[in-house]
N, C-alpha and C. Protein backbone atom coordinates (compact mmCIF):
# COMPACT_ATOMS: atom_id res chain seq x y z
N MET A 1 13.30 31.89 6.85
CA MET A 1 12.06 31.56 7.53
C MET A 1 11.22 30.70 6.60
N LEU A 2 10.64 29.63 7.14
CA LEU A 2 9.81 28.75 6.35
C LEU A 2 8.44 29.35 6.14
N ARG A 3 8.00 29.26 4.91
CA ARG A 3 6.66 29.74 4.59
C ARG A 3 5.67 28.61 4.76
N ALA A 4 4.52 28.91 5.28
CA ALA A 4 3.49 27.88 5.44
C ALA A 4 3.11 27.33 4.07
N GLN A 5 2.87 26.04 4.02
CA GLN A 5 2.50 25.42 2.76
C GLN A 5 1.14 25.94 2.32
N GLU A 6 1.08 26.30 1.05
CA GLU A 6 -0.18 26.82 0.51
C GLU A 6 -1.25 25.75 0.57
N GLN A 7 -2.43 26.13 0.97
CA GLN A 7 -3.54 25.18 1.05
C GLN A 7 -4.61 25.58 0.04
N LEU A 8 -5.20 24.56 -0.55
CA LEU A 8 -6.24 24.77 -1.53
C LEU A 8 -7.50 24.04 -1.09
N LEU A 9 -8.63 24.49 -1.56
CA LEU A 9 -9.90 23.85 -1.28
C LEU A 9 -10.10 22.70 -2.26
N LEU A 10 -10.42 21.53 -1.74
CA LEU A 10 -10.66 20.37 -2.57
C LEU A 10 -12.10 19.94 -2.37
N GLY A 11 -12.85 19.93 -3.42
CA GLY A 11 -14.23 19.48 -3.34
C GLY A 11 -14.33 18.05 -3.82
N ALA A 12 -15.06 17.24 -3.08
CA ALA A 12 -15.25 15.85 -3.47
C ALA A 12 -16.64 15.41 -3.08
N ARG A 13 -17.23 14.61 -3.92
CA ARG A 13 -18.55 14.08 -3.59
C ARG A 13 -18.36 12.72 -2.93
N ILE A 14 -18.88 12.61 -1.70
CA ILE A 14 -18.81 11.35 -0.98
C ILE A 14 -20.20 11.03 -0.44
N PRO A 15 -20.47 9.77 -0.19
CA PRO A 15 -21.78 9.42 0.37
C PRO A 15 -21.99 10.12 1.72
N SER A 16 -23.22 10.53 1.97
CA SER A 16 -23.52 11.25 3.21
C SER A 16 -23.23 10.38 4.43
N THR A 17 -23.43 9.07 4.31
CA THR A 17 -23.15 8.19 5.44
C THR A 17 -21.65 8.18 5.77
N LEU A 18 -20.82 8.28 4.75
CA LEU A 18 -19.37 8.31 4.98
C LEU A 18 -18.98 9.60 5.69
N LYS A 19 -19.58 10.71 5.28
CA LYS A 19 -19.28 11.98 5.94
C LYS A 19 -19.74 11.95 7.40
N GLU A 20 -20.89 11.34 7.65
CA GLU A 20 -21.37 11.25 9.03
C GLU A 20 -20.41 10.42 9.89
N ARG A 21 -19.92 9.31 9.34
CA ARG A 21 -18.96 8.47 10.07
C ARG A 21 -17.68 9.24 10.34
N LEU A 22 -17.22 9.98 9.32
CA LEU A 22 -16.00 10.77 9.46
C LEU A 22 -16.19 11.84 10.54
N LEU A 23 -17.30 12.53 10.50
CA LEU A 23 -17.58 13.58 11.48
C LEU A 23 -17.61 13.01 12.90
N LYS A 24 -18.29 11.88 13.08
CA LYS A 24 -18.37 11.27 14.41
C LYS A 24 -16.98 10.86 14.90
N TYR A 25 -16.20 10.27 14.01
CA TYR A 25 -14.85 9.84 14.39
C TYR A 25 -14.00 11.04 14.81
N CYS A 26 -14.02 12.06 13.99
CA CYS A 26 -13.20 13.25 14.28
C CYS A 26 -13.63 13.92 15.58
N LEU A 27 -14.93 14.04 15.80
CA LEU A 27 -15.42 14.65 17.04
C LEU A 27 -15.02 13.83 18.26
N SER A 28 -15.15 12.51 18.15
CA SER A 28 -14.85 11.66 19.30
C SER A 28 -13.35 11.57 19.58
N HIS A 29 -12.51 11.86 18.58
CA HIS A 29 -11.06 11.78 18.77
C HIS A 29 -10.39 13.17 18.85
N GLY A 30 -11.21 14.20 18.79
CA GLY A 30 -10.68 15.56 18.94
C GLY A 30 -9.77 16.01 17.82
N ILE A 31 -10.06 15.58 16.60
CA ILE A 31 -9.26 16.02 15.46
C ILE A 31 -10.16 16.69 14.43
N LYS A 32 -9.55 17.51 13.62
CA LYS A 32 -10.30 18.20 12.58
C LYS A 32 -10.42 17.30 11.35
N MET A 33 -11.57 17.42 10.68
CA MET A 33 -11.79 16.61 9.47
C MET A 33 -10.73 16.91 8.43
N ASN A 34 -10.35 18.15 8.29
CA ASN A 34 -9.34 18.53 7.30
C ASN A 34 -8.03 17.78 7.55
N TYR A 35 -7.62 17.71 8.82
CA TYR A 35 -6.39 16.99 9.17
C TYR A 35 -6.52 15.51 8.83
N PHE A 36 -7.64 14.92 9.21
CA PHE A 36 -7.86 13.50 8.96
C PHE A 36 -7.81 13.19 7.46
N VAL A 37 -8.51 13.97 6.67
CA VAL A 37 -8.57 13.74 5.23
C VAL A 37 -7.19 13.96 4.60
N THR A 38 -6.50 15.01 5.02
CA THR A 38 -5.16 15.28 4.49
C THR A 38 -4.22 14.13 4.78
N GLU A 39 -4.22 13.64 6.01
CA GLU A 39 -3.35 12.52 6.38
C GLU A 39 -3.74 11.24 5.64
N ALA A 40 -5.04 11.02 5.45
CA ALA A 40 -5.49 9.82 4.73
C ALA A 40 -5.02 9.86 3.27
N ILE A 41 -5.09 11.02 2.65
CA ILE A 41 -4.63 11.16 1.26
C ILE A 41 -3.13 10.93 1.18
N LYS A 42 -2.38 11.54 2.10
CA LYS A 42 -0.92 11.35 2.12
C LYS A 42 -0.57 9.87 2.27
N GLU A 43 -1.24 9.21 3.21
CA GLU A 43 -0.97 7.79 3.47
C GLU A 43 -1.27 6.94 2.24
N LYS A 44 -2.38 7.20 1.59
CA LYS A 44 -2.76 6.43 0.40
C LYS A 44 -1.76 6.65 -0.73
N LEU A 45 -1.32 7.88 -0.93
CA LEU A 45 -0.34 8.17 -1.97
C LEU A 45 1.01 7.51 -1.66
N GLN A 46 1.38 7.44 -0.38
CA GLN A 46 2.60 6.75 0.00
C GLN A 46 2.49 5.25 -0.27
N GLU A 47 1.32 4.67 0.01
CA GLU A 47 1.09 3.25 -0.26
C GLU A 47 1.20 2.97 -1.76
N ILE A 48 0.62 3.83 -2.57
CA ILE A 48 0.67 3.65 -4.02
C ILE A 48 2.11 3.75 -4.51
N ALA A 49 2.85 4.72 -4.01
CA ALA A 49 4.25 4.88 -4.41
C ALA A 49 5.06 3.64 -4.03
N GLU A 50 4.83 3.11 -2.84
CA GLU A 50 5.54 1.91 -2.40
C GLU A 50 5.16 0.70 -3.26
N ASP A 51 3.87 0.56 -3.58
CA ASP A 51 3.42 -0.52 -4.46
C ASP A 51 4.09 -0.41 -5.83
N ASN A 52 4.16 0.79 -6.35
CA ASN A 52 4.81 1.01 -7.65
C ASN A 52 6.29 0.67 -7.59
N ARG A 53 6.94 1.04 -6.50
CA ARG A 53 8.36 0.75 -6.33
C ARG A 53 8.59 -0.76 -6.27
N LEU A 54 7.75 -1.46 -5.52
CA LEU A 54 7.91 -2.91 -5.39
C LEU A 54 7.58 -3.63 -6.70
N THR A 55 6.60 -3.13 -7.43
CA THR A 55 6.26 -3.71 -8.73
C THR A 55 7.42 -3.56 -9.70
N ALA A 56 8.03 -2.38 -9.73
CA ALA A 56 9.18 -2.15 -10.61
C ALA A 56 10.34 -3.05 -10.21
N LEU A 57 10.57 -3.21 -8.92
CA LEU A 57 11.63 -4.08 -8.43
C LEU A 57 11.38 -5.53 -8.85
N ALA A 58 10.15 -5.99 -8.70
CA ALA A 58 9.80 -7.36 -9.09
C ALA A 58 9.98 -7.56 -10.59
N GLN A 59 9.59 -6.57 -11.38
CA GLN A 59 9.76 -6.68 -12.83
C GLN A 59 11.23 -6.76 -13.20
N GLU A 60 12.08 -5.99 -12.53
CA GLU A 60 13.52 -6.03 -12.79
C GLU A 60 14.09 -7.40 -12.43
N ARG A 61 13.65 -7.93 -11.29
CA ARG A 61 14.15 -9.24 -10.86
C ARG A 61 13.71 -10.33 -11.82
N LEU A 62 12.48 -10.22 -12.35
CA LEU A 62 11.99 -11.23 -13.29
C LEU A 62 12.78 -11.23 -14.59
N LYS A 63 13.32 -10.09 -14.97
CA LYS A 63 14.12 -10.03 -16.19
C LYS A 63 15.38 -10.88 -16.06
N LYS A 64 15.89 -11.01 -14.84
CA LYS A 64 17.14 -11.73 -14.58
C LYS A 64 16.88 -13.10 -13.94
N ALA A 65 15.64 -13.50 -13.85
CA ALA A 65 15.29 -14.72 -13.11
C ALA A 65 15.78 -15.97 -13.82
N GLU A 66 16.19 -16.92 -12.99
CA GLU A 66 16.55 -18.24 -13.49
C GLU A 66 15.56 -19.22 -12.88
N PHE A 67 14.89 -19.97 -13.72
CA PHE A 67 13.87 -20.89 -13.26
C PHE A 67 14.39 -22.32 -13.32
N ILE A 68 13.87 -23.16 -12.41
CA ILE A 68 14.25 -24.57 -12.42
C ILE A 68 13.01 -25.40 -12.73
N SER A 69 13.23 -26.62 -13.15
CA SER A 69 12.12 -27.51 -13.48
C SER A 69 11.51 -28.07 -12.19
N GLN A 70 10.33 -28.63 -12.32
CA GLN A 70 9.67 -29.24 -11.16
C GLN A 70 10.52 -30.40 -10.63
N LYS A 71 11.13 -31.13 -11.53
CA LYS A 71 11.98 -32.26 -11.14
C LYS A 71 13.16 -31.77 -10.29
N GLU A 72 13.79 -30.69 -10.71
CA GLU A 72 14.91 -30.12 -9.94
C GLU A 72 14.44 -29.62 -8.57
N LEU A 73 13.27 -29.02 -8.53
CA LEU A 73 12.72 -28.53 -7.27
C LEU A 73 12.46 -29.70 -6.32
N ASN A 74 11.86 -30.76 -6.85
CA ASN A 74 11.57 -31.94 -6.02
C ASN A 74 12.86 -32.53 -5.46
N ARG A 75 13.89 -32.63 -6.27
CA ARG A 75 15.18 -33.16 -5.83
C ARG A 75 15.76 -32.26 -4.73
N TYR A 76 15.67 -30.96 -4.90
CA TYR A 76 16.15 -29.99 -3.91
C TYR A 76 15.42 -30.18 -2.58
N LEU A 77 14.09 -30.33 -2.64
CA LEU A 77 13.30 -30.49 -1.43
C LEU A 77 13.63 -31.81 -0.73
N LEU A 78 13.76 -32.87 -1.50
CA LEU A 78 14.07 -34.18 -0.91
C LEU A 78 15.41 -34.16 -0.19
N LYS A 79 16.41 -33.47 -0.74
CA LYS A 79 17.71 -33.36 -0.08
C LYS A 79 17.60 -32.72 1.30
N ARG A 80 16.59 -31.89 1.46
CA ARG A 80 16.41 -31.18 2.73
C ARG A 80 15.35 -31.84 3.62
N GLY A 81 14.94 -33.06 3.22
CA GLY A 81 13.99 -33.80 4.04
C GLY A 81 12.56 -33.34 3.94
N ILE A 82 12.25 -32.65 2.87
CA ILE A 82 10.88 -32.16 2.66
C ILE A 82 10.25 -32.97 1.55
N THR A 83 9.06 -33.52 1.81
CA THR A 83 8.36 -34.29 0.79
C THR A 83 7.64 -33.32 -0.13
N PRO A 84 7.99 -33.34 -1.41
CA PRO A 84 7.33 -32.41 -2.34
C PRO A 84 5.89 -32.83 -2.62
N ASN A 85 5.05 -31.83 -2.83
CA ASN A 85 3.66 -32.06 -3.23
C ASN A 85 3.63 -32.33 -4.73
N VAL A 86 3.25 -33.52 -5.08
CA VAL A 86 3.22 -33.87 -6.50
C VAL A 86 1.82 -34.07 -6.97
C-alpha cells in the first residue's frame, strides 16, 4: 500500500499584493492555494533541471566543437545561393 507523501509547512514572505492575486486566481478557478504553489514550485524546479541539463550538454558539445573561418562560412553560403552578410 502506498503511503501518502509527507507534507511540511513552508513559510515564505511574499508581497501582500502577490498573495491577493494568488487568492483571487485560486478562488476564481476553484483550486486550493496549496495545490497551486506546490505545482508552481515543481514546475520551476523542473525548468531549472532542464536548463542545467541543456547547459551541460552544450558544454560537452563545445569541448568537441570544430570551428570554421568566416571565409569558409562565406564560401559555404555562396555555394548554396545565400549572400553572406559581410
